[in-house]
Amino acid sequence: MPNNPNEREFKPLNIAVMTVSDTRTDATDKSGDTLAKMLTEAGHSLAEKRIVPDDIYQIRAAVSQWIADASINAVITTGGTGITGRDSTPEAITVLFDKQIDGFGELFRAVSYEEINTSTIQSRAVAGVANATFIFCLPGSTGACRTGWGKLISHQLDYRTRPCNLVELMPRVLEKG
């Protein structure tokens, strides 16, 4: 229980992590491991971690499974957000969104600019919500995962963040107008 009546208690979430790569293995997946470590250190639960090839349909199928699972609150992907021919994470996932969170990609590139300067224009980081599951797609570098989690995602997936956060919206995202 919080000591200050204005403080809120942390609400742990179930978060799935996907590494999109044709070359990573469980032994070499530093970005996925970094995300898993950071989210569990923050108090969340790692629902599942997968490595999926850079294939639009395999990416979409795996994320669709997680979206359909009511026990999974959020999905974070790493990889496949660049501009090469095999980078297809945004194309695979944005069609699944009920709503896109445009500010995520904009802000990710803004904070990345402080670290990698103009190279940030190569990132097509995106986020959205589908069936009350929040989805964040980050670049494949460990640095991008640290930035995305540390500066953006961790705060929005923490119920204590004021003035607002995504956790407090979870019960309302399925409302129809």
N, C-alpha and C. Protein backbone atom coordinates (compact mmCIF):
# COMPACT_ATOMS: atom_id res chain seq x y z
N MET A 1 0.85 -1.18 0.00
CA MET A 1 0.00 0.00 0.00
C MET A 1 0.89 1.24 0.00
N PRO A 2 0.57 2.26 -0.83
CA PRO A 2 1.40 3.46 -0.87
C PRO A 2 1.32 4.24 0.44
N ASN A 3 2.43 4.89 0.79
CA ASN A 3 2.46 5.74 1.98
C ASN A 3 1.71 7.04 1.75
N ASN A 4 1.79 7.56 0.56
CA ASN A 4 1.14 8.81 0.20
C ASN A 4 -0.20 8.48 -0.46
N PRO A 5 -1.30 9.06 0.02
CA PRO A 5 -2.61 8.72 -0.58
C PRO A 5 -2.72 9.13 -2.05
N ASN A 6 -1.82 9.99 -2.52
CA ASN A 6 -1.84 10.39 -3.94
C ASN A 6 -1.06 9.42 -4.83
N GLU A 7 -0.30 8.53 -4.20
CA GLU A 7 0.46 7.54 -4.96
C GLU A 7 -0.42 6.35 -5.30
N ARG A 8 -0.12 5.74 -6.42
CA ARG A 8 -0.85 4.53 -6.82
C ARG A 8 0.07 3.33 -6.69
N GLU A 9 -0.54 2.17 -6.53
CA GLU A 9 0.24 0.94 -6.48
C GLU A 9 0.56 0.47 -7.90
N PHE A 10 1.72 -0.13 -8.04
CA PHE A 10 2.15 -0.70 -9.31
C PHE A 10 1.21 -1.85 -9.69
N LYS A 11 0.86 -1.93 -10.97
CA LYS A 11 0.05 -3.03 -11.49
C LYS A 11 0.89 -3.81 -12.50
N PRO A 12 1.35 -5.00 -12.15
CA PRO A 12 2.16 -5.77 -13.09
C PRO A 12 1.34 -6.25 -14.28
N LEU A 13 1.95 -6.21 -15.44
CA LEU A 13 1.31 -6.64 -16.68
C LEU A 13 2.00 -7.89 -17.21
N ASN A 14 1.30 -8.61 -18.07
CA ASN A 14 1.87 -9.74 -18.81
C ASN A 14 2.27 -9.22 -20.18
N ILE A 15 3.56 -9.29 -20.46
CA ILE A 15 4.10 -8.70 -21.69
C ILE A 15 4.83 -9.77 -22.49
N ALA A 16 4.51 -9.87 -23.77
CA ALA A 16 5.18 -10.80 -24.69
C ALA A 16 6.25 -10.03 -25.48
N VAL A 17 7.36 -10.68 -25.75
CA VAL A 17 8.47 -10.07 -26.49
C VAL A 17 8.76 -10.91 -27.72
N MET A 18 8.88 -10.22 -28.86
CA MET A 18 9.21 -10.90 -30.11
C MET A 18 10.42 -10.24 -30.75
N THR A 19 11.40 -11.06 -31.09
CA THR A 19 12.53 -10.59 -31.88
C THR A 19 12.27 -11.01 -33.32
N VAL A 20 12.30 -10.05 -34.22
CA VAL A 20 12.11 -10.31 -35.63
C VAL A 20 13.49 -10.33 -36.28
N SER A 21 13.91 -11.51 -36.74
CA SER A 21 15.25 -11.64 -37.32
C SER A 21 15.39 -12.96 -38.07
N ASP A 22 16.14 -12.91 -39.14
CA ASP A 22 16.49 -14.11 -39.88
C ASP A 22 17.77 -14.74 -39.35
N THR A 23 18.49 -14.02 -38.49
CA THR A 23 19.81 -14.50 -38.07
C THR A 23 19.94 -14.74 -36.56
N ARG A 24 19.09 -14.18 -35.75
CA ARG A 24 19.22 -14.34 -34.29
C ARG A 24 18.76 -15.72 -33.85
N THR A 25 19.41 -16.18 -32.78
CA THR A 25 19.03 -17.43 -32.12
C THR A 25 18.84 -17.10 -30.64
N ASP A 26 18.38 -18.07 -29.87
CA ASP A 26 18.25 -17.85 -28.43
C ASP A 26 19.58 -17.42 -27.82
N ALA A 27 20.68 -17.94 -28.35
CA ALA A 27 22.00 -17.62 -27.81
C ALA A 27 22.49 -16.22 -28.19
N THR A 28 21.98 -15.68 -29.31
CA THR A 28 22.48 -14.39 -29.79
C THR A 28 21.45 -13.26 -29.76
N ASP A 29 20.31 -13.51 -29.17
CA ASP A 29 19.24 -12.51 -29.15
C ASP A 29 19.41 -11.51 -28.00
N LYS A 30 20.36 -10.61 -28.14
CA LYS A 30 20.65 -9.64 -27.08
C LYS A 30 19.50 -8.63 -26.90
N SER A 31 18.87 -8.21 -27.99
CA SER A 31 17.80 -7.22 -27.88
C SER A 31 16.57 -7.79 -27.19
N GLY A 32 16.15 -8.97 -27.58
CA GLY A 32 15.01 -9.61 -26.92
C GLY A 32 15.30 -9.90 -25.46
N ASP A 33 16.52 -10.36 -25.19
CA ASP A 33 16.91 -10.62 -23.80
C ASP A 33 16.92 -9.34 -22.98
N THR A 34 17.38 -8.25 -23.58
CA THR A 34 17.41 -6.96 -22.89
C THR A 34 16.00 -6.51 -22.55
N LEU A 35 15.08 -6.61 -23.50
CA LEU A 35 13.69 -6.23 -23.23
C LEU A 35 13.09 -7.10 -22.12
N ALA A 36 13.32 -8.40 -22.20
CA ALA A 36 12.78 -9.32 -21.19
C ALA A 36 13.32 -8.97 -19.80
N LYS A 37 14.60 -8.70 -19.73
CA LYS A 37 15.22 -8.36 -18.45
C LYS A 37 14.67 -7.05 -17.91
N MET A 38 14.57 -6.02 -18.75
CA MET A 38 14.10 -4.72 -18.29
C MET A 38 12.65 -4.78 -17.82
N LEU A 39 11.80 -5.50 -18.53
CA LEU A 39 10.39 -5.53 -18.13
C LEU A 39 10.18 -6.34 -16.86
N THR A 40 10.95 -7.40 -16.68
CA THR A 40 10.81 -8.17 -15.43
C THR A 40 11.42 -7.42 -14.26
N GLU A 41 12.53 -6.71 -14.47
CA GLU A 41 13.11 -5.89 -13.40
C GLU A 41 12.16 -4.79 -12.97
N ALA A 42 11.32 -4.33 -13.90
CA ALA A 42 10.33 -3.28 -13.58
C ALA A 42 9.15 -3.85 -12.80
N GLY A 43 9.03 -5.19 -12.73
CA GLY A 43 7.95 -5.81 -11.99
C GLY A 43 6.87 -6.47 -12.83
N HIS A 44 7.04 -6.43 -14.16
CA HIS A 44 6.08 -7.07 -15.05
C HIS A 44 6.45 -8.54 -15.23
N SER A 45 5.56 -9.30 -15.84
CA SER A 45 5.80 -10.71 -16.14
C SER A 45 6.06 -10.89 -17.63
N LEU A 46 7.05 -11.71 -17.95
CA LEU A 46 7.31 -12.07 -19.34
C LEU A 46 6.36 -13.19 -19.69
N ALA A 47 5.34 -12.88 -20.51
CA ALA A 47 4.33 -13.87 -20.88
C ALA A 47 4.92 -14.92 -21.83
N GLU A 48 5.74 -14.47 -22.76
CA GLU A 48 6.37 -15.36 -23.73
C GLU A 48 7.42 -14.56 -24.48
N LYS A 49 8.44 -15.25 -24.95
CA LYS A 49 9.48 -14.63 -25.79
C LYS A 49 9.70 -15.53 -26.99
N ARG A 50 9.67 -14.92 -28.17
CA ARG A 50 9.84 -15.69 -29.41
C ARG A 50 10.80 -14.96 -30.35
N ILE A 51 11.44 -15.76 -31.18
CA ILE A 51 12.20 -15.23 -32.32
C ILE A 51 11.45 -15.67 -33.57
N VAL A 52 11.11 -14.71 -34.42
CA VAL A 52 10.33 -14.98 -35.63
C VAL A 52 11.11 -14.44 -36.83
N PRO A 53 11.17 -15.19 -37.93
CA PRO A 53 11.88 -14.69 -39.12
C PRO A 53 11.23 -13.42 -39.68
N ASP A 54 12.02 -12.67 -40.43
CA ASP A 54 11.53 -11.47 -41.12
C ASP A 54 10.58 -11.89 -42.23
N ASP A 55 9.42 -12.33 -41.86
CA ASP A 55 8.40 -12.75 -42.81
C ASP A 55 7.07 -12.17 -42.35
N ILE A 56 6.46 -11.37 -43.18
CA ILE A 56 5.27 -10.63 -42.81
C ILE A 56 4.16 -11.51 -42.23
N TYR A 57 3.99 -12.69 -42.78
CA TYR A 57 2.89 -13.55 -42.33
C TYR A 57 3.22 -14.28 -41.03
N GLN A 58 4.47 -14.66 -40.84
CA GLN A 58 4.85 -15.29 -39.57
C GLN A 58 4.81 -14.28 -38.43
N ILE A 59 5.23 -13.05 -38.70
CA ILE A 59 5.16 -11.98 -37.70
C ILE A 59 3.70 -11.74 -37.33
N ARG A 60 2.88 -11.57 -38.33
CA ARG A 60 1.46 -11.27 -38.11
C ARG A 60 0.76 -12.42 -37.36
N ALA A 61 1.09 -13.65 -37.71
CA ALA A 61 0.45 -14.80 -37.05
C ALA A 61 0.81 -14.85 -35.57
N ALA A 62 2.08 -14.64 -35.25
CA ALA A 62 2.50 -14.70 -33.85
C ALA A 62 1.87 -13.57 -33.04
N VAL A 63 1.89 -12.36 -33.56
CA VAL A 63 1.30 -11.23 -32.83
C VAL A 63 -0.21 -11.41 -32.72
N SER A 64 -0.84 -11.94 -33.74
CA SER A 64 -2.29 -12.19 -33.69
C SER A 64 -2.64 -13.16 -32.57
N GLN A 65 -1.82 -14.18 -32.36
CA GLN A 65 -2.04 -15.13 -31.26
C GLN A 65 -2.03 -14.39 -29.92
N TRP A 66 -1.07 -13.51 -29.75
CA TRP A 66 -0.96 -12.77 -28.49
C TRP A 66 -2.11 -11.79 -28.31
N ILE A 67 -2.53 -11.16 -29.40
CA ILE A 67 -3.66 -10.23 -29.33
C ILE A 67 -4.93 -10.98 -28.90
N ALA A 68 -5.09 -12.20 -29.37
CA ALA A 68 -6.28 -12.99 -29.06
C ALA A 68 -6.25 -13.55 -27.64
N ASP A 69 -5.09 -13.56 -27.02
CA ASP A 69 -4.93 -14.11 -25.66
C ASP A 69 -5.24 -13.00 -24.65
N ALA A 70 -6.35 -13.12 -23.96
CA ALA A 70 -6.80 -12.09 -23.02
C ALA A 70 -5.84 -11.90 -21.84
N SER A 71 -4.96 -12.85 -21.61
CA SER A 71 -4.02 -12.72 -20.49
C SER A 71 -2.80 -11.86 -20.83
N ILE A 72 -2.60 -11.56 -22.11
CA ILE A 72 -1.45 -10.75 -22.52
C ILE A 72 -1.90 -9.30 -22.68
N ASN A 73 -1.25 -8.42 -21.93
CA ASN A 73 -1.60 -7.00 -21.92
C ASN A 73 -0.84 -6.17 -22.94
N ALA A 74 0.38 -6.60 -23.26
CA ALA A 74 1.21 -5.81 -24.17
C ALA A 74 2.17 -6.73 -24.92
N VAL A 75 2.59 -6.26 -26.08
CA VAL A 75 3.56 -6.95 -26.92
C VAL A 75 4.63 -5.93 -27.30
N ILE A 76 5.88 -6.33 -27.19
CA ILE A 76 6.98 -5.49 -27.65
C ILE A 76 7.77 -6.30 -28.66
N THR A 77 7.94 -5.74 -29.85
CA THR A 77 8.77 -6.40 -30.86
C THR A 77 10.05 -5.60 -31.03
N THR A 78 11.10 -6.31 -31.44
CA THR A 78 12.37 -5.67 -31.75
C THR A 78 12.85 -6.24 -33.08
N GLY A 79 13.19 -5.34 -33.99
CA GLY A 79 13.68 -5.75 -35.30
C GLY A 79 12.66 -5.60 -36.40
N GLY A 80 13.16 -5.48 -37.62
CA GLY A 80 12.29 -5.40 -38.79
C GLY A 80 11.63 -4.06 -39.03
N THR A 81 12.12 -3.01 -38.36
CA THR A 81 11.50 -1.68 -38.53
C THR A 81 12.32 -0.76 -39.41
N GLY A 82 13.37 -1.28 -40.02
CA GLY A 82 14.22 -0.46 -40.88
C GLY A 82 13.64 -0.32 -42.29
N ILE A 83 14.50 -0.03 -43.23
CA ILE A 83 14.04 0.25 -44.60
C ILE A 83 14.62 -0.71 -45.64
N THR A 84 15.23 -1.80 -45.19
CA THR A 84 15.74 -2.75 -46.17
C THR A 84 14.60 -3.64 -46.68
N GLY A 85 14.89 -4.42 -47.68
CA GLY A 85 13.86 -5.24 -48.32
C GLY A 85 13.17 -6.23 -47.40
N ARG A 86 13.89 -6.78 -46.41
CA ARG A 86 13.30 -7.78 -45.50
C ARG A 86 12.61 -7.15 -44.29
N ASP A 87 12.81 -5.85 -44.05
CA ASP A 87 12.19 -5.19 -42.90
C ASP A 87 10.70 -5.01 -43.14
N SER A 88 9.88 -5.80 -42.43
CA SER A 88 8.44 -5.75 -42.70
C SER A 88 7.58 -5.75 -41.44
N THR A 89 8.18 -5.48 -40.29
CA THR A 89 7.39 -5.50 -39.05
C THR A 89 6.23 -4.50 -39.08
N PRO A 90 6.44 -3.23 -39.46
CA PRO A 90 5.29 -2.32 -39.49
C PRO A 90 4.19 -2.78 -40.44
N GLU A 91 4.56 -3.30 -41.60
CA GLU A 91 3.55 -3.79 -42.55
C GLU A 91 2.80 -4.99 -42.00
N ALA A 92 3.49 -5.83 -41.24
CA ALA A 92 2.85 -7.01 -40.67
C ALA A 92 1.88 -6.64 -39.55
N ILE A 93 2.23 -5.65 -38.77
CA ILE A 93 1.49 -5.40 -37.53
C ILE A 93 0.49 -4.26 -37.61
N THR A 94 0.78 -3.21 -38.35
CA THR A 94 -0.14 -2.06 -38.33
C THR A 94 -1.54 -2.42 -38.83
N VAL A 95 -1.65 -3.40 -39.70
CA VAL A 95 -2.99 -3.80 -40.17
C VAL A 95 -3.80 -4.47 -39.06
N LEU A 96 -3.14 -4.90 -38.00
CA LEU A 96 -3.83 -5.52 -36.86
C LEU A 96 -4.36 -4.48 -35.87
N PHE A 97 -3.85 -3.26 -35.94
CA PHE A 97 -4.22 -2.23 -34.96
C PHE A 97 -5.69 -1.84 -35.08
N ASP A 98 -6.35 -1.71 -33.93
CA ASP A 98 -7.65 -1.04 -33.89
C ASP A 98 -7.42 0.47 -33.95
N LYS A 99 -6.35 0.90 -33.27
CA LYS A 99 -5.94 2.31 -33.30
C LYS A 99 -4.42 2.37 -33.26
N GLN A 100 -3.86 3.25 -34.06
CA GLN A 100 -2.42 3.48 -34.03
C GLN A 100 -2.12 4.59 -33.03
N ILE A 101 -1.01 4.47 -32.33
CA ILE A 101 -0.57 5.50 -31.39
C ILE A 101 0.55 6.27 -32.08
N ASP A 102 0.16 7.25 -32.89
CA ASP A 102 1.13 7.98 -33.72
C ASP A 102 2.24 8.64 -32.91
N GLY A 103 1.90 9.15 -31.74
CA GLY A 103 2.88 9.85 -30.93
C GLY A 103 4.06 8.99 -30.51
N PHE A 104 3.88 7.67 -30.45
CA PHE A 104 4.98 6.80 -30.04
C PHE A 104 6.14 6.87 -31.03
N GLY A 105 5.86 6.65 -32.30
CA GLY A 105 6.92 6.69 -33.30
C GLY A 105 7.56 8.07 -33.40
N GLU A 106 6.74 9.10 -33.31
CA GLU A 106 7.26 10.46 -33.37
C GLU A 106 8.20 10.73 -32.20
N LEU A 107 7.76 10.37 -31.00
CA LEU A 107 8.57 10.63 -29.82
C LEU A 107 9.79 9.72 -29.76
N PHE A 108 9.65 8.47 -30.21
CA PHE A 108 10.80 7.57 -30.24
C PHE A 108 11.90 8.17 -31.11
N ARG A 109 11.54 8.66 -32.29
CA ARG A 109 12.55 9.25 -33.17
C ARG A 109 13.13 10.53 -32.57
N ALA A 110 12.32 11.29 -31.86
CA ALA A 110 12.83 12.52 -31.23
C ALA A 110 13.86 12.19 -30.14
N VAL A 111 13.55 11.22 -29.27
CA VAL A 111 14.52 10.89 -28.23
C VAL A 111 15.72 10.15 -28.81
N SER A 112 15.52 9.38 -29.88
CA SER A 112 16.64 8.70 -30.54
C SER A 112 17.58 9.69 -31.19
N TYR A 113 17.06 10.79 -31.67
CA TYR A 113 17.89 11.82 -32.29
C TYR A 113 18.98 12.29 -31.34
N GLU A 114 18.64 12.38 -30.05
CA GLU A 114 19.62 12.80 -29.04
C GLU A 114 20.78 11.81 -28.95
N GLU A 115 20.54 10.55 -29.30
CA GLU A 115 21.55 9.50 -29.18
C GLU A 115 22.25 9.18 -30.50
N ILE A 116 21.49 9.14 -31.61
CA ILE A 116 22.08 8.69 -32.88
C ILE A 116 21.94 9.71 -34.00
N ASN A 117 21.55 10.91 -33.65
CA ASN A 117 21.42 12.01 -34.61
C ASN A 117 20.50 11.63 -35.77
N THR A 118 20.87 12.02 -36.97
CA THR A 118 19.96 11.87 -38.11
C THR A 118 19.73 10.41 -38.52
N SER A 119 20.50 9.48 -38.01
CA SER A 119 20.26 8.06 -38.32
C SER A 119 18.88 7.62 -37.87
N THR A 120 18.26 8.38 -36.99
CA THR A 120 16.93 8.03 -36.49
C THR A 120 15.87 8.03 -37.60
N ILE A 121 16.13 8.72 -38.71
CA ILE A 121 15.13 8.73 -39.78
C ILE A 121 14.94 7.35 -40.40
N GLN A 122 15.88 6.44 -40.16
CA GLN A 122 15.77 5.09 -40.71
C GLN A 122 14.83 4.20 -39.89
N SER A 123 14.40 4.69 -38.74
CA SER A 123 13.52 3.90 -37.88
C SER A 123 12.06 4.11 -38.24
N ARG A 124 11.35 3.00 -38.35
CA ARG A 124 9.90 3.05 -38.57
C ARG A 124 9.19 2.47 -37.35
N ALA A 125 9.68 2.85 -36.16
CA ALA A 125 9.06 2.40 -34.91
C ALA A 125 7.60 2.84 -34.89
N VAL A 126 6.72 1.93 -34.48
CA VAL A 126 5.28 2.21 -34.43
C VAL A 126 4.69 1.58 -33.17
N ALA A 127 3.49 2.04 -32.83
CA ALA A 127 2.76 1.44 -31.71
C ALA A 127 1.27 1.57 -31.98
N GLY A 128 0.51 0.71 -31.33
CA GLY A 128 -0.94 0.76 -31.46
C GLY A 128 -1.59 -0.15 -30.45
N VAL A 129 -2.89 -0.24 -30.55
CA VAL A 129 -3.65 -1.12 -29.67
C VAL A 129 -4.56 -1.99 -30.53
N ALA A 130 -4.65 -3.26 -30.16
CA ALA A 130 -5.50 -4.22 -30.87
C ALA A 130 -6.12 -5.15 -29.83
N ASN A 131 -7.44 -5.19 -29.79
CA ASN A 131 -8.16 -6.04 -28.85
C ASN A 131 -7.66 -5.84 -27.41
N ALA A 132 -7.49 -4.58 -27.04
CA ALA A 132 -7.04 -4.17 -25.70
C ALA A 132 -5.61 -4.59 -25.38
N THR A 133 -4.83 -4.95 -26.39
CA THR A 133 -3.42 -5.29 -26.21
C THR A 133 -2.60 -4.16 -26.82
N PHE A 134 -1.70 -3.58 -26.02
CA PHE A 134 -0.83 -2.52 -26.53
C PHE A 134 0.38 -3.16 -27.19
N ILE A 135 0.73 -2.66 -28.38
CA ILE A 135 1.81 -3.23 -29.18
C ILE A 135 2.81 -2.14 -29.52
N PHE A 136 4.09 -2.42 -29.25
CA PHE A 136 5.17 -1.48 -29.53
C PHE A 136 6.19 -2.18 -30.41
N CYS A 137 6.55 -1.56 -31.52
CA CYS A 137 7.53 -2.14 -32.44
C CYS A 137 8.77 -1.27 -32.46
N LEU A 138 9.86 -1.83 -31.96
CA LEU A 138 11.13 -1.12 -31.83
C LEU A 138 12.15 -1.63 -32.84
N PRO A 139 13.15 -0.82 -33.15
CA PRO A 139 14.26 -1.31 -33.97
C PRO A 139 14.99 -2.46 -33.29
N GLY A 140 15.85 -3.13 -34.04
CA GLY A 140 16.50 -4.33 -33.55
C GLY A 140 17.74 -4.14 -32.70
N SER A 141 18.25 -2.94 -32.59
CA SER A 141 19.46 -2.75 -31.79
C SER A 141 19.14 -2.74 -30.30
N THR A 142 20.09 -3.21 -29.52
CA THR A 142 19.93 -3.21 -28.07
C THR A 142 19.76 -1.78 -27.56
N GLY A 143 20.50 -0.84 -28.15
CA GLY A 143 20.38 0.56 -27.75
C GLY A 143 18.98 1.10 -27.98
N ALA A 144 18.39 0.76 -29.12
CA ALA A 144 17.02 1.21 -29.41
C ALA A 144 16.03 0.59 -28.42
N CYS A 145 16.27 -0.65 -28.02
CA CYS A 145 15.39 -1.29 -27.03
C CYS A 145 15.51 -0.61 -25.68
N ARG A 146 16.73 -0.27 -25.29
CA ARG A 146 16.92 0.44 -24.02
C ARG A 146 16.25 1.81 -24.07
N THR A 147 16.40 2.51 -25.17
CA THR A 147 15.78 3.82 -25.32
C THR A 147 14.26 3.71 -25.31
N GLY A 148 13.73 2.81 -26.12
CA GLY A 148 12.28 2.65 -26.22
C GLY A 148 11.66 2.27 -24.89
N TRP A 149 12.26 1.32 -24.21
CA TRP A 149 11.73 0.90 -22.91
C TRP A 149 11.97 1.98 -21.86
N GLY A 150 13.21 2.42 -21.75
CA GLY A 150 13.59 3.32 -20.67
C GLY A 150 12.97 4.71 -20.72
N LYS A 151 12.81 5.22 -21.92
CA LYS A 151 12.31 6.59 -22.04
C LYS A 151 10.83 6.69 -22.36
N LEU A 152 10.22 5.61 -22.87
CA LEU A 152 8.82 5.70 -23.30
C LEU A 152 7.95 4.59 -22.73
N ILE A 153 8.20 3.36 -23.13
CA ILE A 153 7.28 2.26 -22.84
C ILE A 153 7.14 2.01 -21.35
N SER A 154 8.25 1.98 -20.63
CA SER A 154 8.18 1.66 -19.20
C SER A 154 7.28 2.64 -18.45
N HIS A 155 7.30 3.89 -18.83
CA HIS A 155 6.48 4.90 -18.16
C HIS A 155 5.00 4.74 -18.50
N GLN A 156 4.71 4.42 -19.74
CA GLN A 156 3.32 4.28 -20.15
C GLN A 156 2.70 2.95 -19.71
N LEU A 157 3.54 1.97 -19.39
CA LEU A 157 3.03 0.69 -18.86
C LEU A 157 3.16 0.64 -17.34
N ASP A 158 3.31 1.79 -16.72
CA ASP A 158 3.38 1.88 -15.26
C ASP A 158 2.18 2.70 -14.78
N TYR A 159 1.30 2.05 -14.07
CA TYR A 159 0.07 2.68 -13.58
C TYR A 159 0.33 3.90 -12.71
N ARG A 160 1.51 4.01 -12.14
CA ARG A 160 1.85 5.12 -11.27
C ARG A 160 2.21 6.39 -12.02
N THR A 161 2.45 6.29 -13.33
CA THR A 161 2.85 7.45 -14.11
C THR A 161 1.72 8.46 -14.19
N ARG A 162 2.02 9.69 -13.86
CA ARG A 162 1.05 10.79 -13.92
C ARG A 162 1.52 11.79 -14.96
N PRO A 163 0.67 12.51 -15.64
CA PRO A 163 -0.76 12.60 -15.35
C PRO A 163 -1.59 11.46 -15.93
N CYS A 164 -1.02 10.68 -16.86
CA CYS A 164 -1.80 9.57 -17.40
C CYS A 164 -0.86 8.52 -17.98
N ASN A 165 -1.40 7.33 -18.19
CA ASN A 165 -0.63 6.21 -18.72
C ASN A 165 -1.57 5.27 -19.45
N LEU A 166 -1.01 4.33 -20.18
CA LEU A 166 -1.84 3.39 -20.94
C LEU A 166 -2.52 2.36 -20.06
N VAL A 167 -1.95 2.02 -18.92
CA VAL A 167 -2.54 1.00 -18.05
C VAL A 167 -3.93 1.42 -17.59
N GLU A 168 -4.08 2.69 -17.24
CA GLU A 168 -5.39 3.14 -16.76
C GLU A 168 -6.43 3.17 -17.88
N LEU A 169 -5.98 3.13 -19.12
CA LEU A 169 -6.91 3.09 -20.25
C LEU A 169 -7.33 1.68 -20.63
N MET A 170 -6.59 0.68 -20.18
CA MET A 170 -6.86 -0.70 -20.59
C MET A 170 -8.32 -1.13 -20.44
N PRO A 171 -8.99 -0.80 -19.33
CA PRO A 171 -10.38 -1.24 -19.22
C PRO A 171 -11.31 -0.54 -20.22
N ARG A 172 -10.86 0.55 -20.82
CA ARG A 172 -11.74 1.35 -21.68
C ARG A 172 -11.47 1.20 -23.17
N VAL A 173 -10.39 0.55 -23.57
CA VAL A 173 -10.07 0.55 -24.98
C VAL A 173 -11.03 -0.27 -25.84
N LEU A 174 -11.81 -1.13 -25.23
CA LEU A 174 -12.79 -1.91 -26.00
C LEU A 174 -14.17 -1.26 -26.05
N GLU A 175 -14.31 -0.10 -25.40
CA GLU A 175 -15.61 0.59 -25.42
C GLU A 175 -15.97 0.99 -26.84
N LYS A 176 -17.23 0.90 -27.14
CA LYS A 176 -17.74 1.33 -28.45
C LYS A 176 -18.56 2.60 -28.24
N GLY A 177 -18.47 3.51 -29.19
CA GLY A 177 -19.15 4.80 -29.06
C GLY A 177 -20.54 4.82 -29.56
